[in-house]
């Protein structure tokens, strides 16, 4: 009996995804948190290295940019939206980007199992990016 296919690059990217999500869930941001930002930068670098996909790299780049503002003393304020603080807005955008990243990994895995190349024009849910 043959076990499920495993793709080490996808497994590694999913580990980075889980670690990034954990940080965002447990850290509110809105202040200069160098430790959290440093860890996110490391994880984003590892995620980019793990998977060779343009859309994944772009999504991870956005996560790192959002995190730089989220874990800053003042930059998160430019993201304030009405009654929602910039920190909360950035956390939401990072979670959305992480969801898109995970969705793309699922597309890549499905394409590999089907023997196809993943379509780089496909966009995951929440792939549109708001501008500051």
Protein backbone atom coordinates (compact mmCIF):
# COMPACT_ATOMS: atom_id res chain seq x y z
CA UNK A 1 0.00 0.00 0.00
CA UNK A 2 1.41 3.35 -1.01
CA UNK A 3 1.33 6.28 1.43
CA UNK A 4 0.35 9.85 0.57
CA UNK A 5 2.78 11.84 -1.52
CA UNK A 6 5.02 14.13 0.44
CA UNK A 7 6.73 17.19 -0.91
CA UNK A 8 9.48 18.38 1.42
CA UNK A 9 9.40 21.94 0.03
CA UNK A 10 5.67 22.23 0.66
CA UNK A 11 6.02 20.66 4.11
CA UNK A 12 8.74 23.16 4.97
CA UNK A 13 6.69 26.10 3.66
CA UNK A 14 3.71 24.93 5.72
CA UNK A 15 5.88 24.83 8.85
CA UNK A 16 6.88 28.44 8.23
CA UNK A 17 3.22 29.33 7.64
CA UNK A 18 2.16 27.77 10.94
CA UNK A 19 4.92 29.54 12.87
CA UNK A 20 4.06 32.90 11.29
CA UNK A 21 0.37 32.47 12.08
CA UNK A 22 1.21 31.57 15.69
CA UNK A 23 3.20 34.79 16.12
CA UNK A 24 0.46 36.95 14.63
CA UNK A 25 -2.25 35.33 16.75
CA UNK A 26 -0.32 35.81 19.99
CA UNK A 27 1.24 39.25 19.43
CA UNK A 28 -0.98 42.30 19.06
CA UNK A 29 1.69 44.60 17.68
CA UNK A 30 1.30 48.35 17.76
CA UNK A 31 4.65 48.89 19.46
CA UNK A 32 8.32 48.38 18.67
CA UNK A 33 8.66 44.62 19.19
CA UNK A 34 12.05 43.76 17.71
CA UNK A 35 11.95 40.14 18.89
CA UNK A 36 8.67 39.35 17.11
CA UNK A 37 9.70 41.25 14.00
CA UNK A 38 13.07 39.51 13.91
CA UNK A 39 11.41 36.10 14.16
CA UNK A 40 8.93 37.00 11.40
CA UNK A 41 11.76 38.17 9.13
CA UNK A 42 13.56 34.84 9.72
CA UNK A 43 10.42 32.83 9.01
CA UNK A 44 9.63 34.84 5.87
CA UNK A 45 13.16 34.28 4.61
CA UNK A 46 12.80 30.55 5.27
CA UNK A 47 9.38 30.46 3.57
CA UNK A 48 10.76 32.20 0.46
CA UNK A 49 13.64 29.73 0.35
CA UNK A 50 11.37 26.73 0.87
CA UNK A 51 9.15 27.11 -2.18
CA UNK A 52 10.07 28.26 -5.67
CA UNK A 53 6.89 30.08 -6.66
CA UNK A 54 6.54 33.73 -7.64
CA UNK A 55 3.12 34.19 -6.04
CA UNK A 56 4.30 32.64 -2.77
CA UNK A 57 7.37 34.87 -2.71
CA UNK A 58 5.27 37.98 -3.33
CA UNK A 59 2.81 37.04 -0.58
CA UNK A 60 5.63 36.41 1.88
CA UNK A 61 7.20 39.75 0.93
CA UNK A 62 3.91 41.49 1.78
CA UNK A 63 3.73 39.67 5.11
CA UNK A 64 7.21 40.93 6.00
CA UNK A 65 6.30 44.50 4.97
CA UNK A 66 3.08 44.46 6.99
CA UNK A 67 4.93 43.01 9.98
CA UNK A 68 7.55 45.77 9.82
CA UNK A 69 4.76 48.33 10.26
CA UNK A 70 2.83 46.23 12.79
CA UNK A 71 5.80 45.83 15.11
CA UNK A 72 6.94 49.46 14.88
CA UNK A 73 6.49 52.35 17.28
CA UNK A 74 4.51 54.55 14.85
CA UNK A 75 4.25 53.10 11.32
CA UNK A 76 1.18 51.02 12.16
CA UNK A 77 -0.81 54.25 12.66
CA UNK A 78 -0.87 55.00 8.92
CA UNK A 79 -3.05 51.88 8.60
CA UNK A 80 -5.77 53.14 11.00
CA UNK A 81 -9.19 52.58 9.45
CA UNK A 82 -12.08 54.36 11.18
CA UNK A 83 -12.69 52.54 14.45
CA UNK A 84 -10.10 49.84 13.65
CA UNK A 85 -6.56 50.48 14.80
CA UNK A 86 -3.75 50.14 12.32
CA UNK A 87 -2.29 47.28 14.35
CA UNK A 88 -5.56 45.33 14.17
CA UNK A 89 -5.90 46.08 10.47
CA UNK A 90 -2.34 44.87 9.79
CA UNK A 91 -2.87 41.68 11.79
CA UNK A 92 -5.99 41.00 9.73
CA UNK A 93 -4.11 41.64 6.48
CA UNK A 94 -1.28 39.35 7.56
CA UNK A 95 -3.76 36.58 8.41
CA UNK A 96 -5.40 37.08 5.00
CA UNK A 97 -2.00 36.92 3.29
CA UNK A 98 -1.14 33.76 5.23
CA UNK A 99 -4.44 32.25 4.09
CA UNK A 100 -3.56 33.10 0.48
CA UNK A 101 -0.09 31.59 0.95
CA UNK A 102 -1.59 28.37 2.30
CA UNK A 103 -4.14 28.29 -0.53
CA UNK A 104 -1.35 28.64 -3.08
CA UNK A 105 0.58 25.79 -1.47
CA UNK A 106 -2.55 23.65 -1.80
CA UNK A 107 -2.84 24.60 -5.49
CA UNK A 108 0.80 23.69 -6.09
CA UNK A 109 0.39 20.34 -4.36
CA UNK A 110 -2.77 19.54 -6.33
CA UNK A 111 -1.05 20.42 -9.59
CA UNK A 112 1.91 18.21 -8.74
CA UNK A 113 -0.33 15.29 -7.87
CA UNK A 114 -2.15 15.80 -11.15
CA UNK A 115 1.10 16.12 -13.10
CA UNK A 116 0.38 19.72 -14.07
CA UNK A 117 2.25 22.95 -13.56
CA UNK A 118 0.42 25.28 -11.16
CA UNK A 119 -1.14 28.23 -12.93
CA UNK A 120 0.69 31.37 -11.75
CA UNK A 121 -2.26 33.52 -12.79
CA UNK A 122 -4.55 31.83 -10.25
CA UNK A 123 -5.03 33.95 -7.18
CA UNK A 124 -6.07 32.65 -3.81
CA UNK A 125 -8.86 34.21 -1.77
CA UNK A 126 -7.93 37.59 -0.38
CA UNK A 127 -5.13 38.10 -2.87
CA UNK A 128 -5.93 41.75 -3.46
CA UNK A 129 -3.72 44.00 -1.41
CA UNK A 130 -4.92 47.29 0.05
CA UNK A 131 -2.64 50.28 -0.21
CA UNK A 132 -1.75 52.51 2.73
